[in-house]
N, C-alpha and C. Protein backbone atom coordinates (compact mmCIF):
# COMPACT_ATOMS: atom_id res chain seq x y z
N MET A 1 -4.01 -14.81 -7.45
CA MET A 1 -3.24 -13.73 -8.08
C MET A 1 -3.48 -12.43 -7.32
N ILE A 2 -2.41 -11.71 -7.10
CA ILE A 2 -2.47 -10.44 -6.37
C ILE A 2 -2.75 -9.31 -7.36
N PRO A 3 -3.81 -8.51 -7.09
CA PRO A 3 -4.03 -7.35 -7.95
C PRO A 3 -2.87 -6.36 -7.82
N ASN A 4 -2.39 -5.88 -8.95
CA ASN A 4 -1.28 -4.92 -8.99
C ASN A 4 -1.66 -3.73 -9.85
N ILE A 5 -0.99 -2.62 -9.58
CA ILE A 5 -1.15 -1.44 -10.41
C ILE A 5 0.23 -0.82 -10.60
N SER A 6 0.48 -0.34 -11.80
CA SER A 6 1.76 0.34 -12.05
C SER A 6 1.70 1.72 -11.42
N VAL A 7 2.86 2.29 -11.14
CA VAL A 7 2.92 3.63 -10.60
C VAL A 7 2.31 4.62 -11.58
N VAL A 8 2.54 4.43 -12.85
CA VAL A 8 1.99 5.32 -13.89
C VAL A 8 0.47 5.34 -13.81
N ASP A 9 -0.15 4.16 -13.68
CA ASP A 9 -1.61 4.10 -13.58
C ASP A 9 -2.10 4.60 -12.23
N PHE A 10 -1.35 4.31 -11.19
CA PHE A 10 -1.72 4.77 -9.85
C PHE A 10 -1.79 6.29 -9.80
N ILE A 11 -0.83 6.97 -10.40
CA ILE A 11 -0.78 8.43 -10.38
C ILE A 11 -2.04 9.04 -11.00
N LYS A 12 -2.69 8.34 -11.90
CA LYS A 12 -3.88 8.84 -12.58
C LYS A 12 -5.14 8.76 -11.72
N LEU A 13 -5.11 8.01 -10.62
CA LEU A 13 -6.29 7.81 -9.78
C LEU A 13 -6.65 9.08 -9.02
N GLN A 14 -7.93 9.26 -8.79
CA GLN A 14 -8.43 10.39 -8.03
C GLN A 14 -8.71 9.97 -6.59
N ASN A 15 -7.99 10.55 -5.64
CA ASN A 15 -8.19 10.33 -4.21
C ASN A 15 -8.21 8.86 -3.77
N PRO A 16 -7.19 8.09 -4.13
CA PRO A 16 -7.18 6.70 -3.69
C PRO A 16 -6.84 6.59 -2.20
N ASN A 17 -7.29 5.51 -1.58
CA ASN A 17 -6.88 5.17 -0.22
C ASN A 17 -5.51 4.52 -0.32
N VAL A 18 -4.49 5.19 0.20
CA VAL A 18 -3.12 4.71 0.05
C VAL A 18 -2.54 4.39 1.42
N ILE A 19 -1.90 3.23 1.51
CA ILE A 19 -1.27 2.81 2.76
C ILE A 19 0.21 2.56 2.53
N ASP A 20 1.01 3.20 3.35
CA ASP A 20 2.46 3.05 3.34
C ASP A 20 2.83 2.06 4.45
N LEU A 21 3.39 0.93 4.08
CA LEU A 21 3.75 -0.11 5.04
C LEU A 21 5.11 0.09 5.70
N ARG A 22 5.84 1.09 5.27
CA ARG A 22 7.20 1.29 5.77
C ARG A 22 7.19 1.78 7.22
N SER A 23 8.37 1.83 7.79
CA SER A 23 8.51 2.30 9.18
C SER A 23 8.06 3.75 9.29
N VAL A 24 7.72 4.14 10.50
CA VAL A 24 7.33 5.52 10.76
C VAL A 24 8.46 6.47 10.36
N GLN A 25 9.69 6.10 10.63
CA GLN A 25 10.84 6.94 10.28
C GLN A 25 10.93 7.15 8.77
N ASN A 26 10.82 6.07 7.99
CA ASN A 26 10.86 6.21 6.52
C ASN A 26 9.69 7.03 6.02
N TYR A 27 8.51 6.78 6.57
CA TYR A 27 7.33 7.55 6.18
C TYR A 27 7.53 9.04 6.46
N ASN A 28 8.05 9.35 7.65
CA ASN A 28 8.25 10.76 8.01
C ASN A 28 9.30 11.44 7.14
N ASN A 29 10.24 10.68 6.61
CA ASN A 29 11.24 11.26 5.72
C ASN A 29 10.62 11.65 4.38
N HIS A 30 9.87 10.74 3.78
CA HIS A 30 9.19 10.99 2.50
C HIS A 30 8.14 9.90 2.30
N HIS A 31 7.06 10.27 1.64
CA HIS A 31 6.02 9.30 1.32
C HIS A 31 5.17 9.81 0.15
N ILE A 32 4.38 8.92 -0.40
CA ILE A 32 3.44 9.31 -1.45
C ILE A 32 2.40 10.23 -0.82
N PRO A 33 2.08 11.34 -1.46
CA PRO A 33 1.10 12.28 -0.88
C PRO A 33 -0.21 11.57 -0.51
N ASN A 34 -0.74 11.95 0.62
CA ASN A 34 -2.00 11.46 1.17
C ASN A 34 -1.96 10.00 1.64
N ALA A 35 -0.78 9.40 1.65
CA ALA A 35 -0.67 8.03 2.15
C ALA A 35 -0.79 8.03 3.67
N LYS A 36 -1.42 6.98 4.17
CA LYS A 36 -1.54 6.77 5.60
C LYS A 36 -0.48 5.74 5.99
N ASN A 37 0.27 6.03 7.03
CA ASN A 37 1.32 5.11 7.46
C ASN A 37 0.75 4.09 8.43
N ILE A 38 0.78 2.83 8.02
CA ILE A 38 0.43 1.71 8.89
C ILE A 38 1.51 0.66 8.68
N PRO A 39 2.54 0.64 9.55
CA PRO A 39 3.60 -0.35 9.38
C PRO A 39 3.01 -1.76 9.24
N PHE A 40 3.65 -2.57 8.40
CA PHE A 40 3.06 -3.85 8.01
C PHE A 40 2.76 -4.75 9.20
N GLU A 41 3.57 -4.71 10.26
CA GLU A 41 3.30 -5.57 11.42
C GLU A 41 1.94 -5.25 12.04
N LYS A 42 1.64 -3.97 12.16
CA LYS A 42 0.35 -3.54 12.73
C LYS A 42 -0.81 -3.92 11.82
N LEU A 43 -0.64 -3.70 10.53
CA LEU A 43 -1.71 -3.96 9.58
C LEU A 43 -2.04 -5.45 9.52
N ILE A 44 -1.03 -6.29 9.50
CA ILE A 44 -1.26 -7.74 9.42
C ILE A 44 -1.86 -8.28 10.71
N SER A 45 -1.42 -7.76 11.84
CA SER A 45 -1.90 -8.31 13.11
C SER A 45 -3.33 -7.89 13.44
N ARG A 46 -3.76 -6.73 12.94
CA ARG A 46 -5.11 -6.24 13.26
C ARG A 46 -5.71 -5.46 12.09
N PRO A 47 -5.92 -6.11 10.95
CA PRO A 47 -6.40 -5.37 9.78
C PRO A 47 -7.75 -4.69 9.99
N SER A 48 -8.61 -5.28 10.79
CA SER A 48 -9.94 -4.68 10.97
C SER A 48 -9.88 -3.35 11.72
N ASP A 49 -8.77 -3.07 12.39
CA ASP A 49 -8.60 -1.77 13.05
C ASP A 49 -8.35 -0.65 12.04
N TYR A 50 -7.90 -1.02 10.84
CA TYR A 50 -7.46 -0.03 9.87
C TYR A 50 -8.21 -0.05 8.53
N LEU A 51 -8.78 -1.18 8.20
CA LEU A 51 -9.40 -1.35 6.88
C LEU A 51 -10.87 -1.70 6.98
N LYS A 52 -11.61 -1.31 5.94
CA LYS A 52 -13.02 -1.69 5.78
C LYS A 52 -13.10 -2.59 4.56
N LYS A 53 -13.85 -3.66 4.67
CA LYS A 53 -13.92 -4.61 3.57
C LYS A 53 -14.60 -4.05 2.33
N GLU A 54 -15.39 -3.00 2.48
CA GLU A 54 -16.08 -2.43 1.32
C GLU A 54 -15.25 -1.36 0.60
N GLU A 55 -14.08 -1.05 1.10
CA GLU A 55 -13.20 -0.05 0.50
C GLU A 55 -12.07 -0.72 -0.29
N THR A 56 -11.48 0.04 -1.22
CA THR A 56 -10.30 -0.42 -1.96
C THR A 56 -9.10 0.37 -1.46
N TYR A 57 -8.00 -0.34 -1.23
CA TYR A 57 -6.78 0.27 -0.73
C TYR A 57 -5.61 -0.05 -1.66
N TYR A 58 -4.74 0.92 -1.83
CA TYR A 58 -3.52 0.76 -2.62
C TYR A 58 -2.37 0.75 -1.63
N ILE A 59 -1.59 -0.33 -1.66
CA ILE A 59 -0.57 -0.56 -0.65
C ILE A 59 0.82 -0.56 -1.27
N TYR A 60 1.75 0.07 -0.55
CA TYR A 60 3.14 0.03 -1.02
C TYR A 60 4.10 -0.07 0.16
N CYS A 61 5.30 -0.51 -0.17
CA CYS A 61 6.41 -0.54 0.78
C CYS A 61 7.59 0.11 0.06
N GLY A 62 8.79 -0.22 0.45
CA GLY A 62 9.96 0.41 -0.17
C GLY A 62 10.16 0.01 -1.62
N TYR A 63 10.15 -1.29 -1.87
CA TYR A 63 10.45 -1.80 -3.22
C TYR A 63 9.36 -2.70 -3.79
N GLY A 64 8.31 -2.96 -3.04
CA GLY A 64 7.20 -3.75 -3.54
C GLY A 64 7.19 -5.20 -3.12
N LYS A 65 8.17 -5.65 -2.34
CA LYS A 65 8.20 -7.06 -1.95
C LYS A 65 7.29 -7.35 -0.75
N LYS A 66 7.39 -6.56 0.31
CA LYS A 66 6.52 -6.76 1.47
C LYS A 66 5.07 -6.49 1.12
N SER A 67 4.85 -5.50 0.30
CA SER A 67 3.46 -5.16 -0.04
C SER A 67 2.77 -6.28 -0.81
N ILE A 68 3.52 -7.02 -1.61
CA ILE A 68 2.92 -8.18 -2.31
C ILE A 68 2.46 -9.21 -1.31
N SER A 69 3.30 -9.51 -0.32
CA SER A 69 2.93 -10.48 0.71
C SER A 69 1.74 -10.02 1.53
N VAL A 70 1.75 -8.74 1.90
CA VAL A 70 0.65 -8.19 2.68
C VAL A 70 -0.64 -8.22 1.88
N CYS A 71 -0.58 -7.87 0.62
CA CYS A 71 -1.78 -7.90 -0.23
C CYS A 71 -2.35 -9.31 -0.32
N LYS A 72 -1.50 -10.29 -0.45
CA LYS A 72 -1.95 -11.68 -0.53
C LYS A 72 -2.71 -12.06 0.75
N ILE A 73 -2.14 -11.75 1.89
CA ILE A 73 -2.78 -12.07 3.17
C ILE A 73 -4.11 -11.35 3.30
N LEU A 74 -4.11 -10.04 3.03
CA LEU A 74 -5.33 -9.25 3.21
C LEU A 74 -6.42 -9.64 2.22
N ASN A 75 -6.05 -9.92 0.97
CA ASN A 75 -7.05 -10.37 0.01
C ASN A 75 -7.67 -11.69 0.45
N ASN A 76 -6.86 -12.59 1.01
CA ASN A 76 -7.38 -13.86 1.52
C ASN A 76 -8.33 -13.67 2.69
N LEU A 77 -8.18 -12.56 3.41
CA LEU A 77 -9.08 -12.24 4.53
C LEU A 77 -10.33 -11.48 4.08
N GLY A 78 -10.43 -11.20 2.78
CA GLY A 78 -11.62 -10.54 2.26
C GLY A 78 -11.51 -9.05 2.04
N TYR A 79 -10.32 -8.49 2.20
CA TYR A 79 -10.12 -7.06 1.95
C TYR A 79 -9.75 -6.85 0.49
N HIS A 80 -10.10 -5.70 -0.04
CA HIS A 80 -9.76 -5.38 -1.43
C HIS A 80 -8.56 -4.46 -1.44
N VAL A 81 -7.38 -5.05 -1.61
CA VAL A 81 -6.13 -4.30 -1.61
C VAL A 81 -5.38 -4.55 -2.90
N ILE A 82 -4.72 -3.52 -3.38
CA ILE A 82 -3.99 -3.57 -4.64
C ILE A 82 -2.56 -3.14 -4.38
N ASN A 83 -1.62 -3.94 -4.84
CA ASN A 83 -0.20 -3.64 -4.68
C ASN A 83 0.25 -2.60 -5.71
N ILE A 84 1.00 -1.62 -5.25
CA ILE A 84 1.61 -0.65 -6.16
C ILE A 84 2.97 -1.23 -6.55
N ASN A 85 3.09 -1.63 -7.81
CA ASN A 85 4.31 -2.28 -8.30
C ASN A 85 5.55 -1.43 -8.06
N GLY A 86 6.57 -2.05 -7.49
CA GLY A 86 7.85 -1.36 -7.30
C GLY A 86 7.92 -0.47 -6.09
N GLY A 87 6.81 -0.30 -5.39
CA GLY A 87 6.79 0.46 -4.16
C GLY A 87 7.19 1.92 -4.29
N TYR A 88 7.66 2.44 -3.18
CA TYR A 88 8.01 3.86 -3.10
C TYR A 88 9.13 4.21 -4.08
N GLU A 89 10.08 3.31 -4.26
CA GLU A 89 11.20 3.59 -5.18
C GLU A 89 10.71 3.81 -6.62
N SER A 90 9.74 3.04 -7.05
CA SER A 90 9.17 3.25 -8.40
C SER A 90 8.44 4.57 -8.47
N TRP A 91 7.74 4.92 -7.40
CA TRP A 91 7.02 6.19 -7.38
C TRP A 91 8.00 7.36 -7.51
N ILE A 92 9.12 7.28 -6.80
CA ILE A 92 10.14 8.34 -6.87
C ILE A 92 10.66 8.50 -8.30
N LEU A 93 10.88 7.39 -8.98
CA LEU A 93 11.40 7.44 -10.35
C LEU A 93 10.43 8.11 -11.32
N GLU A 94 9.16 8.08 -11.01
CA GLU A 94 8.15 8.70 -11.90
C GLU A 94 7.94 10.18 -11.62
N GLN A 95 8.54 10.69 -10.58
CA GLN A 95 8.34 12.10 -10.22
C GLN A 95 9.28 13.01 -10.97
């Protein structure tokens, strides 16, 4: 099972490690504040370059579909990652 968090609960967190899986162009247009842009291809191919196994990361994409897949892969590799349900689009709706 993939750990998930709703946007409503995510907004309540203090200084979370946030990763935006979208393209650099989409990230540069708009993103969740303090999110780090790591396009999913880079993150999946070399997670140890970007993540520490002792940290928790909250991951999102545009609508939440890619981030679910990425979270499954990373959790299986021993990383603690949590999917933000609905991705960036859900975050926009809560603003």
